[in-house]
Amino acid sequence: MQFAKKSLGQNFLKDGNIIKKIVNLVDINNRNIVEIGPGKGAITNELLKNNIKSLALIEKDNTLYNDLKLKFSNNKSTQIYNIDILKFNLEKIIKKNTIIFGNLPYNISSQILVKILKFKQWPSNFSDIIFMFQKELGEKIIGKFKSSHYGRLSILSNYRLDIEKTFIISPNCFFPKPKIDSMIIHFKPKKKLGKIKKLENLEKITNVLFSNKRKMINKNIKKILTESEINEIKNLNLSFRPSEIKPEIYYKITELFEKNL
């Protein structure tokens, strides 16, 4: 019997109704699918009940990988990778109109999302992302401006992704049972973006300004922009705290920062 490894943030989804609800968020008929962290293959089994074009599974755990190989390697449309997703060139295997599913390891779920946000090609070849996060992290990802959850992660996510749908999943749907609720978020890539050249620069700007999130931005912004550049930004009040600044202003700050690179 395979026990969940805390070191890998494993919680196995076991509720059949929730699994169907996740898979049914999108029409997967004749589509390319990537699943990150398939675990014991609960979502995988449901995916393969459909007429999908191809399926790539990415699983770091060696024991689970071997189990997945035994279960699914006879399926010609399925390719299984035994690798750490954070070290894997995910963008390379994304085919046109790919749907990405993931019951993500809780301890690296934000890193996985940011990895996708940093894809070099945008709009990317994927059409949908359906990811599961801890509810607390999910709220930070979808946090709207002026809400208590608004911050770096929502600013980064909002630049490249639209939120289609979210729903909460009870701890009772997993084994072992986590202590917190989980959240499914269905994303779609934005096709029209601003003028930021590299998302890493937006990441850097938000990191600098949110490093003292309870303090006014007047000192930290001078580490990034000159006085004249700061004056170019409409509706920027230097007495604001980082959470009082709209996403659009962070994007403008990043554009001006990139001109000096």
Protein backbone atom coordinates (compact mmCIF):
# COMPACT_ATOMS: atom_id res chain seq x y z
CA MET A 1 0.00 0.00 0.00
CA GLN A 2 1.32 3.45 -0.93
CA PHE A 3 1.23 5.91 1.96
CA ALA A 4 1.20 9.65 1.36
CA LYS A 5 4.55 11.37 1.82
CA LYS A 6 4.42 14.60 3.78
CA SER A 7 7.75 15.64 2.22
CA LEU A 8 6.05 15.67 -1.22
CA GLY A 9 2.85 17.36 0.02
CA GLN A 10 0.75 14.35 -1.02
CA ASN A 11 -3.01 14.11 -0.41
CA PHE A 12 -4.84 11.62 -2.62
CA LEU A 13 -8.26 12.58 -3.96
CA LYS A 14 -10.76 9.76 -3.41
CA ASP A 15 -14.25 11.26 -3.92
CA GLY A 16 -15.63 10.04 -7.27
CA ASN A 17 -18.21 12.85 -7.58
CA ILE A 18 -15.55 15.54 -7.06
CA ILE A 19 -13.24 13.84 -9.56
CA LYS A 20 -16.02 13.89 -12.18
CA LYS A 21 -16.82 17.53 -11.36
CA ILE A 22 -13.16 18.50 -11.95
CA VAL A 23 -12.86 16.62 -15.25
CA ASN A 24 -16.23 17.93 -16.48
CA LEU A 25 -15.18 21.59 -16.10
CA VAL A 26 -14.01 21.44 -19.72
CA ASP A 27 -14.79 19.39 -22.80
CA ILE A 28 -11.77 17.08 -23.08
CA ASN A 29 -12.99 15.12 -26.10
CA ASN A 30 -10.19 14.80 -28.70
CA ARG A 31 -7.89 17.08 -26.67
CA ASN A 32 -4.27 16.87 -25.52
CA ILE A 33 -4.03 16.60 -21.72
CA VAL A 34 -1.17 17.10 -19.25
CA GLU A 35 -1.67 16.00 -15.65
CA ILE A 36 0.77 17.17 -12.98
CA GLY A 37 1.01 14.98 -9.88
CA PRO A 38 -1.39 12.18 -10.89
CA GLY A 39 -0.62 10.27 -7.69
CA LYS A 40 -2.57 7.04 -7.68
CA GLY A 41 -4.32 7.94 -10.93
CA ALA A 42 -7.78 8.91 -9.63
CA ILE A 43 -8.20 11.83 -12.05
CA THR A 44 -6.22 9.94 -14.72
CA ASN A 45 -8.76 7.09 -14.70
CA GLU A 46 -11.59 9.56 -15.25
CA LEU A 47 -9.71 11.35 -18.03
CA LEU A 48 -9.14 8.07 -19.88
CA LYS A 49 -12.85 7.29 -19.89
CA ASN A 50 -13.05 10.01 -22.55
CA ASN A 51 -11.83 10.04 -26.12
CA ILE A 52 -8.71 12.12 -25.53
CA LYS A 53 -5.98 12.69 -28.13
CA SER A 54 -2.93 12.37 -25.85
CA LEU A 55 -2.11 12.28 -22.14
CA ALA A 56 1.18 13.21 -20.44
CA LEU A 57 1.55 12.34 -16.74
CA ILE A 58 4.29 13.97 -14.63
CA GLU A 59 4.99 12.22 -11.31
CA LYS A 60 8.06 12.71 -9.10
CA ASP A 61 7.42 9.88 -6.62
CA ASN A 62 9.21 6.72 -7.85
CA THR A 63 6.74 4.25 -6.31
CA LEU A 64 3.73 6.07 -7.72
CA TYR A 65 5.46 6.39 -11.10
CA ASN A 66 5.99 2.61 -11.25
CA ASP A 67 2.35 2.00 -10.28
CA LEU A 68 1.19 4.43 -12.98
CA LYS A 69 3.37 2.63 -15.53
CA LEU A 70 1.74 -0.70 -14.64
CA LYS A 71 -1.74 0.82 -14.89
CA PHE A 72 -1.46 3.00 -17.97
CA SER A 73 1.59 2.13 -20.09
CA ASN A 74 -0.50 -0.09 -22.37
CA ASN A 75 -2.44 3.00 -23.39
CA LYS A 76 -0.65 4.20 -26.55
CA SER A 77 -1.80 7.81 -26.11
CA THR A 78 -0.24 8.05 -22.62
CA GLN A 79 3.32 9.15 -21.80
CA ILE A 80 4.55 9.03 -18.20
CA TYR A 81 7.46 11.14 -16.90
CA ASN A 82 9.24 10.35 -13.61
CA ILE A 83 10.62 13.81 -12.83
CA ASP A 84 10.33 16.82 -10.52
CA ILE A 85 7.91 19.23 -12.24
CA LEU A 86 10.02 22.21 -11.12
CA LYS A 87 13.03 20.83 -13.04
CA PHE A 88 11.03 19.72 -16.07
CA ASN A 89 10.67 21.68 -19.32
CA LEU A 90 6.87 21.63 -19.20
CA GLU A 91 6.45 24.19 -21.98
CA LYS A 92 8.22 21.85 -24.41
CA ILE A 93 5.52 19.15 -24.19
CA ILE A 94 2.50 21.48 -24.36
CA LYS A 95 0.77 20.83 -27.68
CA LYS A 96 -1.86 23.06 -29.28
CA ASN A 97 -5.03 23.45 -27.15
CA THR A 98 -3.63 21.36 -24.30
CA ILE A 99 -5.60 21.22 -21.05
CA ILE A 100 -3.45 21.07 -17.90
CA PHE A 101 -4.86 19.34 -14.81
CA GLY A 102 -3.19 19.14 -11.42
CA ASN A 103 -4.01 18.05 -7.90
CA LEU A 104 -0.81 19.85 -6.97
CA PRO A 105 1.54 19.04 -4.10
CA TYR A 106 0.56 21.70 -1.56
CA ASN A 107 4.14 22.59 -0.67
CA ILE A 108 5.12 23.66 -4.23
CA SER A 109 1.78 24.59 -5.81
CA SER A 110 2.50 28.34 -6.06
CA GLN A 111 5.91 27.59 -7.65
CA ILE A 112 4.23 25.39 -10.27
CA LEU A 113 1.74 28.13 -11.12
CA VAL A 114 4.49 30.77 -11.43
CA LYS A 115 6.52 28.38 -13.62
CA ILE A 116 3.60 28.30 -16.09
CA LEU A 117 3.09 32.07 -15.86
CA LYS A 118 6.72 32.46 -16.98
CA PHE A 119 6.30 30.45 -20.21
CA LYS A 120 8.31 32.15 -22.96
CA GLN A 121 5.57 31.84 -25.59
CA TRP A 122 2.34 33.72 -24.83
CA PRO A 123 -0.44 33.09 -25.52
CA SER A 124 0.83 29.58 -24.85
CA ASN A 125 -0.43 26.42 -26.52
CA PHE A 126 -2.57 25.48 -23.54
CA SER A 127 -6.24 26.47 -23.53
CA ASP A 128 -7.15 25.73 -19.90
CA ILE A 129 -5.53 25.07 -16.53
CA ILE A 130 -7.48 23.27 -13.79
CA PHE A 131 -5.46 23.25 -10.57
CA MET A 132 -6.15 22.37 -6.96
CA PHE A 133 -4.61 24.49 -4.19
CA GLN A 134 -4.96 24.88 -0.46
CA LYS A 135 -7.95 27.21 -0.02
CA GLU A 136 -5.83 29.88 1.69
CA LEU A 137 -3.41 29.97 -1.26
CA GLY A 138 -6.27 29.84 -3.78
CA GLU A 139 -7.75 32.96 -2.18
CA LYS A 140 -4.42 34.77 -2.63
CA ILE A 141 -4.32 33.80 -6.31
CA ILE A 142 -7.83 35.07 -7.07
CA GLY A 143 -7.67 38.01 -4.61
CA LYS A 144 -9.21 41.15 -6.09
CA PHE A 145 -7.80 44.64 -5.60
CA LYS A 146 -8.85 46.06 -2.21
CA SER A 147 -9.68 42.58 -0.82
CA SER A 148 -7.67 41.21 2.13
CA HIS A 149 -6.25 38.48 -0.15
CA TYR A 150 -4.86 40.87 -2.80
CA GLY A 151 -1.09 40.69 -3.17
CA ARG A 152 1.89 39.56 -5.24
CA LEU A 153 0.41 36.27 -6.40
CA SER A 154 -2.86 37.79 -7.60
CA ILE A 155 -0.99 40.59 -9.41
CA LEU A 156 1.21 38.05 -11.24
CA SER A 157 -1.67 35.67 -12.02
CA ASN A 158 -3.99 38.45 -13.17
CA TYR A 159 -1.46 39.64 -15.76
CA ARG A 160 -1.57 36.43 -17.79
CA LEU A 161 -4.62 34.44 -16.65
CA ASP A 162 -8.39 34.85 -16.41
CA ILE A 163 -10.29 33.02 -13.67
CA GLU A 164 -13.17 31.03 -15.14
CA LYS A 165 -14.53 29.17 -12.13
CA THR A 166 -13.64 28.14 -8.56
CA PHE A 167 -15.10 25.74 -6.02
CA ILE A 168 -14.15 24.47 -2.56
CA ILE A 169 -13.36 20.83 -1.74
CA SER A 170 -13.77 19.39 1.76
CA PRO A 171 -10.91 17.56 3.53
CA ASN A 172 -13.19 14.49 3.64
CA CYS A 173 -12.60 14.00 -0.11
CA PHE A 174 -8.94 13.06 0.45
CA PHE A 175 -6.74 10.41 1.98
CA PRO A 176 -5.02 11.23 4.21
CA LYS A 177 -7.46 13.93 5.27
CA PRO A 178 -5.78 17.38 5.22
CA LYS A 179 -6.51 19.86 7.98
CA ILE A 180 -7.69 22.53 5.55
CA ASP A 181 -10.15 22.99 2.70
CA SER A 182 -8.89 22.90 -0.88
CA MET A 183 -9.87 25.06 -3.86
CA ILE A 184 -10.16 24.19 -7.53
CA ILE A 185 -9.38 27.09 -9.87
CA HIS A 186 -10.08 26.95 -13.61
CA PHE A 187 -7.87 29.40 -15.53
CA LYS A 188 -7.75 30.48 -19.15
CA PRO A 189 -4.75 32.30 -20.68
CA LYS A 190 -5.26 35.94 -21.58
CA LYS A 191 -4.69 36.64 -25.26
CA LYS A 192 -4.15 40.38 -24.96
CA LEU A 193 -1.39 41.45 -22.60
CA GLY A 194 0.32 44.69 -21.67
CA LYS A 195 3.83 45.65 -22.75
CA ILE A 196 5.83 43.79 -20.10
CA LYS A 197 8.68 41.88 -21.81
CA LYS A 198 9.48 39.38 -19.04
CA LEU A 199 7.24 38.27 -16.21
CA GLU A 200 10.37 37.90 -14.06
CA ASN A 201 10.54 41.71 -13.97
CA LEU A 202 6.99 42.03 -12.67
CA GLU A 203 7.90 39.39 -10.09
CA LYS A 204 10.92 41.48 -9.08
CA ILE A 205 8.93 44.73 -8.82
CA THR A 206 6.24 43.19 -6.64
CA ASN A 207 8.92 41.55 -4.51
CA VAL A 208 10.63 44.89 -3.85
CA LEU A 209 7.42 46.80 -3.11
CA PHE A 210 5.77 44.09 -1.00
CA SER A 211 8.96 43.52 1.03
CA ASN A 212 7.56 46.10 3.49
CA LYS A 213 3.87 45.66 2.84
CA ARG A 214 2.73 47.69 5.86
CA LYS A 215 4.89 50.67 4.96
CA MET A 216 4.37 53.38 2.36
CA ILE A 217 6.00 52.72 -1.00
CA ASN A 218 7.81 56.10 -1.18
CA LYS A 219 11.26 54.67 -0.27
CA ASN A 220 11.12 51.33 -2.06
CA ILE A 221 9.87 52.69 -5.38
CA LYS A 222 12.93 54.94 -5.57
CA LYS A 223 15.05 51.77 -5.67
CA ILE A 224 13.29 50.93 -8.96
CA LEU A 225 12.48 54.18 -10.80
CA THR A 226 13.87 57.70 -11.12
CA GLU A 227 11.91 60.74 -9.95
CA SER A 228 10.87 61.65 -13.50
CA GLU A 229 9.70 58.08 -14.21
CA ILE A 230 7.64 58.06 -11.01
CA ASN A 231 5.99 61.31 -12.16
CA GLU A 232 4.93 59.59 -15.42
CA ILE A 233 2.61 57.21 -13.56
CA LYS A 234 -0.91 58.52 -13.17
CA ASN A 235 -2.81 57.92 -9.91
CA LEU A 236 0.31 56.76 -8.06
CA ASN A 237 0.37 58.09 -4.54
CA LEU A 238 3.71 57.56 -2.79
CA SER A 239 2.00 57.44 0.59
CA PHE A 240 0.11 54.30 -0.51
CA ARG A 241 0.98 50.90 0.91
CA PRO A 242 1.62 48.08 -1.64
CA SER A 243 -1.89 46.63 -1.21
CA GLU A 244 -3.44 50.02 -2.10
CA ILE A 245 -1.95 50.04 -5.60
CA LYS A 246 -3.95 48.66 -8.53
CA PRO A 247 -2.48 45.83 -10.67
CA GLU A 248 -2.38 48.15 -13.71
CA ILE A 249 0.00 50.48 -11.87
CA TYR A 250 2.34 47.58 -11.05
CA TYR A 251 2.34 46.70 -14.75
CA LYS A 252 3.20 50.31 -15.67
CA ILE A 253 6.02 50.42 -13.10
CA THR A 254 7.43 47.22 -14.64
CA GLU A 255 7.26 48.64 -18.18
CA LEU A 256 9.20 51.74 -17.09
CA PHE A 257 11.73 49.59 -15.20
CA GLU A 258 12.33 47.46 -18.32
CA LYS A 259 13.24 50.55 -20.38
CA ASN A 260 16.39 50.91 -18.29
CA LEU A 261 17.54 47.29 -18.74
